[in-house]
Amino acid sequence: MAELVSFTVPTESDKTLLVWELSSGPTAEALHHSLFAVFSQFGLLYSVRVFPNAAVARPGFYAIIKFYSARDAHRAQKACDQKQLFQNSPVKVRLGTKHKAVQHQALALNSSQCQELANYYFGFNGWSKRIIKRWCCHPMSARVPELAWPRSLWITWRKPAVIPAK
């Protein structure tokens, strides 16, 4: 079954993982790197955030990981829960809990995040942010008889302009 992935900041609980019982040995930055390496194998990540445990808990860290895709988050949770991913003890991984009373406004992604999302899901790494000037070409200029061209193509058919190299 296909999943619709929108170009908005993921706020849904089914796209968010809570990871805890992370070791206190490595730094938060090292844990961030390790978590990113492990969980990015399951899909494109929106964010990985590492926090120290509360003062009343034992020393260590927990993390919140957001995916663009709920299916990727679910696969990651099933595969990583109670596993020794990069430390000697197993970690716990759970999907976020649903808060039906809280409605989040859909926030658009910035341009680089949109480009990253498009590259990941469309499998192409050559998107351009440049606007290419286009001009309209009348079908007769292509030396094709006028009757062979539908009138709608006279306006919509466009040929890219030559852009000089810088």
N, C-alpha and C. Protein backbone atom coordinates (compact mmCIF):
# COMPACT_ATOMS: atom_id res chain seq x y z
N MET A 1 0.84 -1.18 0.00
CA MET A 1 0.00 0.00 0.00
C MET A 1 0.89 1.24 0.00
N ALA A 2 0.52 2.21 -0.78
CA ALA A 2 1.30 3.45 -0.89
C ALA A 2 1.01 4.38 0.28
N GLU A 3 1.99 5.18 0.61
CA GLU A 3 1.84 6.17 1.67
C GLU A 3 2.08 7.55 1.08
N LEU A 4 1.24 8.48 1.46
CA LEU A 4 1.40 9.85 1.01
C LEU A 4 2.34 10.57 1.96
N VAL A 5 3.44 11.08 1.43
CA VAL A 5 4.41 11.83 2.23
C VAL A 5 4.32 13.28 1.78
N SER A 6 3.91 14.15 2.69
CA SER A 6 3.73 15.55 2.33
C SER A 6 5.01 16.35 2.60
N PHE A 7 5.13 17.47 1.93
CA PHE A 7 6.28 18.35 2.08
C PHE A 7 6.02 19.33 3.22
N THR A 8 5.70 18.77 4.39
CA THR A 8 5.47 19.56 5.60
C THR A 8 6.28 18.97 6.74
N VAL A 9 6.47 19.76 7.79
CA VAL A 9 7.18 19.29 8.97
C VAL A 9 6.37 18.16 9.59
N PRO A 10 6.98 16.97 9.79
CA PRO A 10 6.22 15.85 10.37
C PRO A 10 5.91 16.10 11.85
N THR A 11 4.64 16.16 12.18
CA THR A 11 4.22 16.37 13.58
C THR A 11 3.40 15.19 14.09
N GLU A 12 3.03 14.28 13.22
CA GLU A 12 2.19 13.16 13.62
C GLU A 12 2.96 12.20 14.53
N SER A 13 2.26 11.65 15.50
CA SER A 13 2.91 10.76 16.46
C SER A 13 3.38 9.46 15.82
N ASP A 14 2.74 9.02 14.75
CA ASP A 14 3.17 7.76 14.13
C ASP A 14 4.44 7.92 13.29
N LYS A 15 4.99 9.13 13.22
CA LYS A 15 6.26 9.37 12.53
C LYS A 15 7.38 9.67 13.53
N THR A 16 7.07 9.60 14.82
CA THR A 16 8.01 9.98 15.87
C THR A 16 8.36 8.77 16.73
N LEU A 17 9.65 8.57 16.94
CA LEU A 17 10.12 7.50 17.82
C LEU A 17 10.76 8.09 19.07
N LEU A 18 10.51 7.45 20.19
CA LEU A 18 11.18 7.78 21.44
C LEU A 18 12.15 6.65 21.72
N VAL A 19 13.41 6.99 21.90
CA VAL A 19 14.46 6.00 22.17
C VAL A 19 15.06 6.33 23.53
N TRP A 20 15.07 5.36 24.44
CA TRP A 20 15.64 5.63 25.76
C TRP A 20 16.49 4.46 26.21
N GLU A 21 17.08 4.65 27.39
CA GLU A 21 18.10 3.77 27.95
C GLU A 21 19.37 3.82 27.11
N LEU A 22 19.68 5.04 26.67
CA LEU A 22 20.94 5.27 25.96
C LEU A 22 22.03 5.46 27.00
N SER A 23 23.18 4.94 26.72
CA SER A 23 24.31 4.95 27.65
C SER A 23 24.76 6.36 27.99
N SER A 24 25.28 6.52 29.20
CA SER A 24 25.81 7.82 29.62
C SER A 24 27.27 7.98 29.23
N GLY A 25 27.90 6.94 28.71
CA GLY A 25 29.31 6.98 28.35
C GLY A 25 29.65 7.97 27.25
N PRO A 26 29.05 7.83 26.07
CA PRO A 26 29.39 8.75 24.98
C PRO A 26 28.73 10.12 25.18
N THR A 27 29.23 11.09 24.44
CA THR A 27 28.64 12.43 24.49
C THR A 27 27.32 12.44 23.72
N ALA A 28 26.54 13.49 23.93
CA ALA A 28 25.28 13.64 23.20
C ALA A 28 25.54 13.73 21.70
N GLU A 29 26.62 14.38 21.32
CA GLU A 29 26.95 14.50 19.89
C GLU A 29 27.30 13.14 19.28
N ALA A 30 28.05 12.32 20.01
CA ALA A 30 28.39 10.97 19.53
C ALA A 30 27.14 10.11 19.43
N LEU A 31 26.24 10.23 20.40
CA LEU A 31 24.98 9.49 20.34
C LEU A 31 24.12 9.94 19.16
N HIS A 32 24.10 11.23 18.91
CA HIS A 32 23.35 11.76 17.77
C HIS A 32 23.86 11.13 16.48
N HIS A 33 25.16 11.08 16.32
CA HIS A 33 25.76 10.50 15.12
C HIS A 33 25.40 9.01 15.00
N SER A 34 25.52 8.27 16.09
CA SER A 34 25.21 6.84 16.09
C SER A 34 23.74 6.59 15.78
N LEU A 35 22.86 7.35 16.41
CA LEU A 35 21.43 7.19 16.17
C LEU A 35 21.07 7.52 14.72
N PHE A 36 21.65 8.58 14.20
CA PHE A 36 21.39 8.95 12.81
C PHE A 36 21.83 7.82 11.88
N ALA A 37 23.01 7.26 12.14
CA ALA A 37 23.54 6.19 11.28
C ALA A 37 22.62 4.96 11.30
N VAL A 38 22.12 4.60 12.47
CA VAL A 38 21.26 3.42 12.59
C VAL A 38 19.89 3.66 11.97
N PHE A 39 19.22 4.74 12.37
CA PHE A 39 17.84 4.93 11.97
C PHE A 39 17.67 5.44 10.54
N SER A 40 18.68 6.06 9.97
CA SER A 40 18.56 6.51 8.58
C SER A 40 18.57 5.33 7.61
N GLN A 41 18.91 4.15 8.08
CA GLN A 41 18.84 2.95 7.24
C GLN A 41 17.39 2.58 6.92
N PHE A 42 16.45 3.07 7.72
CA PHE A 42 15.05 2.71 7.54
C PHE A 42 14.27 3.73 6.71
N GLY A 43 14.82 4.91 6.53
CA GLY A 43 14.14 5.93 5.75
C GLY A 43 14.73 7.29 6.04
N LEU A 44 14.21 8.27 5.33
CA LEU A 44 14.71 9.64 5.47
C LEU A 44 14.26 10.22 6.81
N LEU A 45 15.21 10.79 7.55
CA LEU A 45 14.93 11.37 8.86
C LEU A 45 14.72 12.87 8.75
N TYR A 46 13.74 13.37 9.47
CA TYR A 46 13.55 14.81 9.57
C TYR A 46 14.47 15.36 10.66
N SER A 47 14.51 14.69 11.81
CA SER A 47 15.37 15.18 12.89
C SER A 47 15.73 14.06 13.85
N VAL A 48 16.88 14.25 14.50
CA VAL A 48 17.34 13.40 15.60
C VAL A 48 17.76 14.36 16.71
N ARG A 49 17.10 14.24 17.86
CA ARG A 49 17.42 15.12 18.99
C ARG A 49 17.74 14.27 20.20
N VAL A 50 18.85 14.56 20.84
CA VAL A 50 19.32 13.80 22.01
C VAL A 50 19.26 14.70 23.23
N PHE A 51 18.73 14.17 24.33
CA PHE A 51 18.57 14.93 25.57
C PHE A 51 19.12 14.13 26.75
N PRO A 52 19.66 14.82 27.75
CA PRO A 52 20.08 14.10 28.97
C PRO A 52 18.85 13.69 29.77
N ASN A 53 18.97 12.57 30.48
CA ASN A 53 17.87 12.14 31.35
C ASN A 53 17.64 13.19 32.44
N ALA A 54 16.45 13.18 33.00
CA ALA A 54 16.13 14.09 34.09
C ALA A 54 17.02 13.80 35.29
N ALA A 55 17.19 14.78 36.14
CA ALA A 55 18.06 14.65 37.31
C ALA A 55 17.61 13.53 38.24
N VAL A 56 16.32 13.24 38.29
CA VAL A 56 15.82 12.19 39.19
C VAL A 56 16.01 10.79 38.62
N ALA A 57 16.33 10.68 37.34
CA ALA A 57 16.57 9.38 36.71
C ALA A 57 18.05 9.06 36.74
N ARG A 58 18.37 7.85 36.37
CA ARG A 58 19.80 7.48 36.34
C ARG A 58 20.48 8.20 35.17
N PRO A 59 21.80 8.35 35.26
CA PRO A 59 22.51 9.07 34.19
C PRO A 59 22.33 8.38 32.83
N GLY A 60 22.28 9.16 31.82
CA GLY A 60 22.11 8.64 30.47
C GLY A 60 21.37 9.64 29.60
N PHE A 61 20.91 9.16 28.48
CA PHE A 61 20.25 10.02 27.50
C PHE A 61 19.00 9.34 26.95
N TYR A 62 18.16 10.15 26.33
CA TYR A 62 17.05 9.65 25.52
C TYR A 62 17.03 10.49 24.24
N ALA A 63 16.32 10.00 23.25
CA ALA A 63 16.29 10.69 21.96
C ALA A 63 14.89 10.68 21.37
N ILE A 64 14.62 11.70 20.59
CA ILE A 64 13.39 11.78 19.80
C ILE A 64 13.81 11.83 18.34
N ILE A 65 13.28 10.88 17.58
CA ILE A 65 13.64 10.76 16.17
C ILE A 65 12.38 10.91 15.34
N LYS A 66 12.41 11.80 14.35
CA LYS A 66 11.25 12.03 13.49
C LYS A 66 11.57 11.60 12.07
N PHE A 67 10.67 10.80 11.52
CA PHE A 67 10.74 10.37 10.13
C PHE A 67 9.73 11.17 9.31
N TYR A 68 9.94 11.21 8.01
CA TYR A 68 8.94 11.79 7.11
C TYR A 68 7.82 10.79 6.86
N SER A 69 8.13 9.50 6.98
CA SER A 69 7.18 8.44 6.66
C SER A 69 6.81 7.64 7.90
N ALA A 70 5.52 7.44 8.11
CA ALA A 70 5.04 6.63 9.24
C ALA A 70 5.45 5.17 9.04
N ARG A 71 5.45 4.70 7.80
CA ARG A 71 5.84 3.31 7.53
C ARG A 71 7.30 3.08 7.90
N ASP A 72 8.17 4.02 7.58
CA ASP A 72 9.59 3.90 7.94
C ASP A 72 9.78 3.91 9.45
N ALA A 73 9.04 4.78 10.14
CA ALA A 73 9.15 4.85 11.60
C ALA A 73 8.70 3.53 12.24
N HIS A 74 7.63 2.96 11.73
CA HIS A 74 7.12 1.70 12.26
C HIS A 74 8.13 0.56 12.05
N ARG A 75 8.72 0.50 10.85
CA ARG A 75 9.73 -0.54 10.58
C ARG A 75 10.94 -0.38 11.49
N ALA A 76 11.37 0.86 11.70
CA ALA A 76 12.53 1.12 12.56
C ALA A 76 12.23 0.71 14.00
N GLN A 77 11.03 1.01 14.47
CA GLN A 77 10.67 0.66 15.84
C GLN A 77 10.69 -0.85 16.03
N LYS A 78 10.11 -1.59 15.11
CA LYS A 78 10.07 -3.05 15.23
C LYS A 78 11.47 -3.66 15.16
N ALA A 79 12.31 -3.12 14.32
CA ALA A 79 13.64 -3.69 14.12
C ALA A 79 14.63 -3.33 15.24
N CYS A 80 14.44 -2.19 15.89
CA CYS A 80 15.46 -1.70 16.83
C CYS A 80 15.10 -1.85 18.30
N ASP A 81 13.83 -2.08 18.62
CA ASP A 81 13.43 -2.18 20.02
C ASP A 81 14.10 -3.38 20.69
N GLN A 82 14.65 -3.15 21.87
CA GLN A 82 15.32 -4.18 22.68
C GLN A 82 16.55 -4.77 21.99
N LYS A 83 17.21 -3.96 21.16
CA LYS A 83 18.43 -4.41 20.46
C LYS A 83 19.62 -3.59 20.95
N GLN A 84 20.79 -4.21 20.90
CA GLN A 84 22.04 -3.51 21.22
C GLN A 84 22.54 -2.90 19.92
N LEU A 85 22.09 -1.72 19.63
CA LEU A 85 22.38 -1.11 18.34
C LEU A 85 23.83 -0.68 18.21
N PHE A 86 24.33 0.07 19.15
CA PHE A 86 25.70 0.58 19.11
C PHE A 86 26.29 0.68 20.50
N GLN A 87 25.62 0.07 21.46
CA GLN A 87 26.10 0.07 22.84
C GLN A 87 25.93 -1.34 23.42
N ASN A 88 26.47 -1.56 24.61
CA ASN A 88 26.45 -2.90 25.20
C ASN A 88 25.07 -3.32 25.71
N SER A 89 24.24 -2.38 26.07
CA SER A 89 22.92 -2.71 26.59
C SER A 89 21.85 -2.39 25.55
N PRO A 90 20.72 -3.10 25.59
CA PRO A 90 19.66 -2.82 24.61
C PRO A 90 18.98 -1.49 24.88
N VAL A 91 18.46 -0.91 23.83
CA VAL A 91 17.70 0.34 23.94
C VAL A 91 16.22 0.02 23.78
N LYS A 92 15.39 0.91 24.28
CA LYS A 92 13.94 0.77 24.08
C LYS A 92 13.51 1.81 23.05
N VAL A 93 12.68 1.36 22.13
CA VAL A 93 12.21 2.22 21.04
C VAL A 93 10.69 2.09 20.95
N ARG A 94 9.99 3.20 21.04
CA ARG A 94 8.53 3.20 20.95
C ARG A 94 8.06 4.30 20.00
N LEU A 95 6.95 4.02 19.34
CA LEU A 95 6.30 5.06 18.54
C LEU A 95 5.67 6.08 19.46
N GLY A 96 5.57 7.31 19.00
CA GLY A 96 4.94 8.35 19.79
C GLY A 96 3.50 8.02 20.11
N THR A 97 2.99 8.58 21.17
CA THR A 97 1.60 8.35 21.54
C THR A 97 0.72 9.41 20.90
N LYS A 98 -0.49 9.06 20.62
CA LYS A 98 -1.41 9.96 19.94
C LYS A 98 -2.08 10.89 20.94
N HIS A 99 -2.12 12.15 20.60
CA HIS A 99 -2.83 13.17 21.36
C HIS A 99 -3.90 13.73 20.44
N LYS A 100 -5.09 13.17 20.50
CA LYS A 100 -6.16 13.58 19.59
C LYS A 100 -6.63 15.00 19.84
N ALA A 101 -6.50 15.48 21.05
CA ALA A 101 -6.98 16.82 21.37
C ALA A 101 -6.09 17.91 20.80
N VAL A 102 -4.83 17.57 20.53
CA VAL A 102 -3.87 18.56 20.04
C VAL A 102 -3.88 18.56 18.52
N GLN A 103 -4.19 19.69 17.92
CA GLN A 103 -4.15 19.86 16.47
C GLN A 103 -2.94 20.71 16.12
N HIS A 104 -2.08 20.19 15.26
CA HIS A 104 -0.89 20.93 14.85
C HIS A 104 -1.12 21.56 13.49
N GLN A 105 -0.67 22.78 13.35
CA GLN A 105 -0.73 23.46 12.05
C GLN A 105 0.37 22.88 11.17
N ALA A 106 0.04 22.57 9.93
CA ALA A 106 1.03 22.03 9.01
C ALA A 106 1.99 23.15 8.60
N LEU A 107 3.27 22.96 8.91
CA LEU A 107 4.30 23.94 8.55
C LEU A 107 5.06 23.42 7.34
N ALA A 108 5.28 24.28 6.37
CA ALA A 108 6.00 23.90 5.16
C ALA A 108 7.48 23.70 5.47
N LEU A 109 8.09 22.80 4.74
CA LEU A 109 9.53 22.58 4.86
C LEU A 109 10.27 23.71 4.17
N ASN A 110 11.51 23.96 4.59
CA ASN A 110 12.31 24.96 3.88
C ASN A 110 12.79 24.34 2.56
N SER A 111 13.36 25.14 1.69
CA SER A 111 13.70 24.68 0.34
C SER A 111 14.71 23.55 0.33
N SER A 112 15.70 23.59 1.22
CA SER A 112 16.70 22.51 1.22
C SER A 112 16.09 21.20 1.71
N GLN A 113 15.14 21.26 2.65
CA GLN A 113 14.47 20.05 3.11
C GLN A 113 13.56 19.50 2.02
N CYS A 114 12.90 20.37 1.27
CA CYS A 114 12.08 19.92 0.14
C CYS A 114 12.94 19.22 -0.90
N GLN A 115 14.09 19.79 -1.17
CA GLN A 115 15.00 19.21 -2.15
C GLN A 115 15.51 17.86 -1.67
N GLU A 116 15.86 17.75 -0.39
CA GLU A 116 16.32 16.48 0.18
C GLU A 116 15.22 15.42 0.11
N LEU A 117 13.99 15.79 0.42
CA LEU A 117 12.86 14.86 0.37
C LEU A 117 12.60 14.41 -1.06
N ALA A 118 12.62 15.33 -2.00
CA ALA A 118 12.41 14.97 -3.41
C ALA A 118 13.53 14.06 -3.90
N ASN A 119 14.76 14.38 -3.56
CA ASN A 119 15.89 13.54 -3.98
C ASN A 119 15.75 12.13 -3.43
N TYR A 120 15.33 12.01 -2.18
CA TYR A 120 15.24 10.69 -1.54
C TYR A 120 14.14 9.84 -2.18
N TYR A 121 12.95 10.39 -2.32
CA TYR A 121 11.82 9.60 -2.80
C TYR A 121 11.75 9.49 -4.31
N PHE A 122 12.25 10.48 -5.04
CA PHE A 122 12.22 10.40 -6.50
C PHE A 122 13.51 9.79 -7.05
N GLY A 123 14.52 9.63 -6.20
CA GLY A 123 15.75 8.98 -6.62
C GLY A 123 16.57 9.78 -7.60
N PHE A 124 16.53 11.08 -7.51
CA PHE A 124 17.26 11.93 -8.44
C PHE A 124 17.99 12.99 -7.63
N ASN A 125 19.26 13.20 -7.92
CA ASN A 125 20.04 14.13 -7.13
C ASN A 125 20.53 15.30 -7.97
N GLY A 126 19.68 15.81 -8.85
CA GLY A 126 20.11 16.90 -9.70
C GLY A 126 19.10 18.01 -9.81
N TRP A 127 18.29 18.20 -8.79
CA TRP A 127 17.30 19.27 -8.83
C TRP A 127 18.00 20.61 -8.83
N SER A 128 17.41 21.54 -9.51
CA SER A 128 17.99 22.87 -9.61
C SER A 128 17.07 23.88 -8.96
N LYS A 129 17.67 24.88 -8.33
CA LYS A 129 16.89 25.97 -7.75
C LYS A 129 16.82 27.16 -8.72
N ARG A 130 17.53 27.06 -9.86
CA ARG A 130 17.52 28.14 -10.84
C ARG A 130 16.21 28.15 -11.61
N ILE A 131 15.78 29.33 -11.98
CA ILE A 131 14.61 29.47 -12.84
C ILE A 131 15.12 29.60 -14.26
N ILE A 132 14.67 28.71 -15.10
CA ILE A 132 15.12 28.72 -16.49
C ILE A 132 14.11 29.50 -17.32
N LYS A 133 14.60 30.49 -18.03
CA LYS A 133 13.74 31.31 -18.88
C LYS A 133 13.28 30.48 -20.07
N ARG A 134 12.00 30.54 -20.37
CA ARG A 134 11.45 29.77 -21.47
C ARG A 134 10.74 30.72 -22.42
N TRP A 135 10.71 30.37 -23.68
CA TRP A 135 10.02 31.20 -24.64
C TRP A 135 9.10 30.33 -25.46
N CYS A 136 8.09 30.94 -25.99
CA CYS A 136 7.07 30.22 -26.75
C CYS A 136 7.49 30.17 -28.23
N CYS A 137 7.33 29.05 -28.81
CA CYS A 137 7.67 28.88 -30.22
C CYS A 137 6.41 28.51 -30.99
N HIS A 138 6.12 29.24 -32.03
CA HIS A 138 4.97 28.94 -32.87
C HIS A 138 5.28 27.67 -33.65
N PRO A 139 4.32 26.76 -33.80
CA PRO A 139 4.57 25.51 -34.51
C PRO A 139 5.06 25.70 -35.93
N MET A 140 4.67 26.79 -36.59
CA MET A 140 5.10 27.00 -37.97
C MET A 140 6.61 27.21 -38.06
N SER A 141 7.22 27.71 -36.98
CA SER A 141 8.65 27.92 -37.04
C SER A 141 9.42 26.60 -37.05
N ALA A 142 8.76 25.53 -36.66
CA ALA A 142 9.39 24.21 -36.68
C ALA A 142 9.18 23.53 -38.02
N ARG A 143 8.63 24.27 -39.01
CA ARG A 143 8.38 23.79 -40.37
C ARG A 143 7.47 22.56 -40.39
N VAL A 144 6.48 22.60 -39.51
CA VAL A 144 5.47 21.56 -39.49
C VAL A 144 4.17 22.21 -39.95
N PRO A 145 3.44 21.57 -40.85
CA PRO A 145 2.21 22.20 -41.34
C PRO A 145 1.28 22.58 -40.18
N GLU A 146 0.67 23.75 -40.31
CA GLU A 146 -0.16 24.30 -39.24
C GLU A 146 -1.30 23.36 -38.85
N LEU A 147 -1.85 22.65 -39.81
CA LEU A 147 -2.97 21.75 -39.52
C LEU A 147 -2.54 20.57 -38.63
N ALA A 148 -1.25 20.25 -38.61
CA ALA A 148 -0.78 19.13 -37.81
C ALA A 148 -0.66 19.48 -36.33
N TRP A 149 -0.72 20.78 -36.02
CA TRP A 149 -0.57 21.22 -34.63
C TRP A 149 -1.91 21.64 -34.05
N PRO A 150 -2.34 21.04 -32.94
CA PRO A 150 -3.55 21.56 -32.29
C PRO A 150 -3.30 22.99 -31.80
N ARG A 151 -4.32 23.82 -31.87
CA ARG A 151 -4.17 25.22 -31.51
C ARG A 151 -3.65 25.39 -30.07
N SER A 152 -4.02 24.46 -29.16
CA SER A 152 -3.58 24.57 -27.76
C SER A 152 -2.06 24.48 -27.66
N LEU A 153 -1.41 23.77 -28.57
CA LEU A 153 0.05 23.63 -28.51
C LEU A 153 0.77 24.90 -28.93
N TRP A 154 0.11 25.77 -29.66
CA TRP A 154 0.76 27.01 -30.07
C TRP A 154 1.17 27.83 -28.86
N ILE A 155 0.38 27.75 -27.81
CA ILE A 155 0.67 28.53 -26.62
C ILE A 155 1.48 27.74 -25.60
N THR A 156 1.16 26.45 -25.45
CA THR A 156 1.78 25.68 -24.36
C THR A 156 3.12 25.07 -24.73
N TRP A 157 3.38 24.84 -25.99
CA TRP A 157 4.65 24.23 -26.35
C TRP A 157 5.76 25.25 -26.19
N ARG A 158 6.76 24.93 -25.41
CA ARG A 158 7.83 25.88 -25.12
C ARG A 158 9.19 25.20 -25.25
N LYS A 159 10.13 25.97 -25.68
CA LYS A 159 11.48 25.46 -25.85
C LYS A 159 12.38 26.23 -24.88
N PRO A 160 13.26 25.52 -24.13
CA PRO A 160 14.11 26.25 -23.19
C PRO A 160 15.10 27.18 -23.90
N ALA A 161 15.32 28.30 -23.30
CA ALA A 161 16.28 29.26 -23.85
C ALA A 161 17.70 28.78 -23.54
N VAL A 162 18.62 29.21 -24.34
CA VAL A 162 20.03 28.85 -24.11
C VAL A 162 20.54 29.73 -22.98
N ILE A 163 21.12 29.09 -21.97
CA ILE A 163 21.67 29.82 -20.83
C ILE A 163 23.20 29.79 -20.96
N PRO A 164 23.81 30.96 -21.10
CA PRO A 164 25.27 30.98 -21.26
C PRO A 164 25.99 30.49 -19.99
N ALA A 165 27.08 29.79 -20.17
CA ALA A 165 27.88 29.31 -19.03
C ALA A 165 28.58 30.48 -18.37
N LYS A 166 28.70 30.40 -17.05
CA LYS A 166 29.34 31.49 -16.32
C LYS A 166 30.80 31.19 -16.11
